Amino acid sequence: MLMDVKLGQLGSWLAMRDFTPGGIMGAVQRGYNRYYNKYINVRKGGIGGISMLLAGYVVLSYVWSYSHVKHDRRRKYH
């Protein structure tokens, strides 16, 4: 896991990762399963997992439309 890697070992850790399409898809699948089992598939679930997903979507959509928003914020509407 990336959190367990020290800064000096980062290069060798990255060299051991599988960057083939199958390896990337496996990493995405493991991340999704970890998120789902931690926040969605719980006995006493709350709104935390869904709200985190929604907040991520809002941030991602803002990043995608930032170039358009950047030009509109200095316009005067009068």
Protein backbone atom coordinates (compact mmCIF):
# COMPACT_ATOMS: atom_id res chain seq x y z
CA MET A 1 0.00 0.00 0.00
CA LEU A 2 1.27 3.48 -0.83
CA MET A 3 0.81 4.75 2.73
CA ASP A 4 3.35 2.20 4.00
CA VAL A 5 6.12 3.28 1.58
CA LYS A 6 8.88 5.57 2.80
CA LEU A 7 9.94 8.43 0.55
CA GLY A 8 13.32 6.88 -0.20
CA GLN A 9 11.69 3.63 -1.34
CA LEU A 10 9.12 5.26 -3.62
CA GLY A 11 11.10 4.68 -6.83
CA SER A 12 11.59 0.98 -6.24
CA TRP A 13 7.96 0.62 -5.11
CA LEU A 14 6.73 2.25 -8.34
CA ALA A 15 9.03 0.00 -10.38
CA MET A 16 7.34 -3.07 -8.89
CA ARG A 17 3.80 -1.94 -9.82
CA ASP A 18 1.99 -3.51 -12.78
CA PHE A 19 1.17 -0.76 -15.29
CA THR A 20 -0.38 -3.01 -17.93
CA PRO A 21 -4.08 -2.42 -18.69
CA GLY A 22 -4.98 -5.55 -16.72
CA GLY A 23 -2.92 -4.39 -13.75
CA ILE A 24 -4.51 -0.93 -13.78
CA MET A 25 -7.99 -2.42 -14.02
CA GLY A 26 -7.18 -4.74 -11.12
CA ALA A 27 -6.02 -1.79 -9.02
CA VAL A 28 -9.20 0.15 -9.82
CA GLN A 29 -11.31 -2.89 -8.94
CA ARG A 30 -9.48 -3.38 -5.63
CA GLY A 31 -9.96 0.30 -4.79
CA TYR A 32 -13.66 0.13 -5.59
CA ASN A 33 -14.10 -3.04 -3.52
CA ARG A 34 -12.24 -1.47 -0.60
CA TYR A 35 -14.41 1.68 -0.76
CA TYR A 36 -17.62 -0.33 -1.14
CA ASN A 37 -16.87 -2.64 1.78
CA LYS A 38 -15.75 0.20 4.05
CA TYR A 39 -18.47 2.79 3.41
CA ILE A 40 -21.43 1.20 1.58
CA ASN A 41 -21.68 -2.46 2.58
CA VAL A 42 -21.91 -1.99 6.37
CA ARG A 43 -24.47 -3.06 8.96
CA LYS A 44 -25.25 0.34 10.41
CA GLY A 45 -24.73 2.49 7.38
CA GLY A 46 -25.06 6.22 7.34
CA ILE A 47 -24.89 8.95 4.81
CA GLY A 48 -21.08 9.17 4.95
CA GLY A 49 -20.21 6.92 2.01
CA ILE A 50 -22.75 8.37 -0.40
CA SER A 51 -21.93 11.96 0.60
CA MET A 52 -18.21 11.29 0.04
CA LEU A 53 -18.99 9.96 -3.43
CA LEU A 54 -21.17 13.00 -4.17
CA ALA A 55 -18.49 15.39 -2.90
CA GLY A 56 -15.93 13.69 -5.14
CA TYR A 57 -18.25 14.09 -8.12
CA VAL A 58 -18.75 17.81 -7.36
CA VAL A 59 -15.00 18.42 -7.08
CA LEU A 60 -14.28 16.47 -10.26
CA SER A 61 -16.94 18.32 -12.26
CA TYR A 62 -15.59 21.66 -11.00
CA VAL A 63 -12.08 20.69 -12.09
CA TRP A 64 -13.37 19.69 -15.54
CA SER A 65 -15.21 23.01 -16.00
CA TYR A 66 -12.62 25.25 -14.32
CA SER A 67 -11.37 26.82 -17.56
CA HIS A 68 -14.91 28.00 -18.33
CA VAL A 69 -15.54 29.19 -14.76
CA LYS A 70 -12.22 31.03 -14.70
CA HIS A 71 -13.23 33.25 -17.63
CA ASP A 72 -16.70 33.96 -16.27
CA ARG A 73 -15.73 35.16 -12.82
CA ARG A 74 -14.32 38.52 -14.00
CA ARG A 75 -17.19 39.46 -16.25
CA LYS A 76 -19.57 42.22 -15.24
CA TYR A 77 -23.25 41.52 -15.70
CA HIS A 78 -24.69 45.03 -15.82
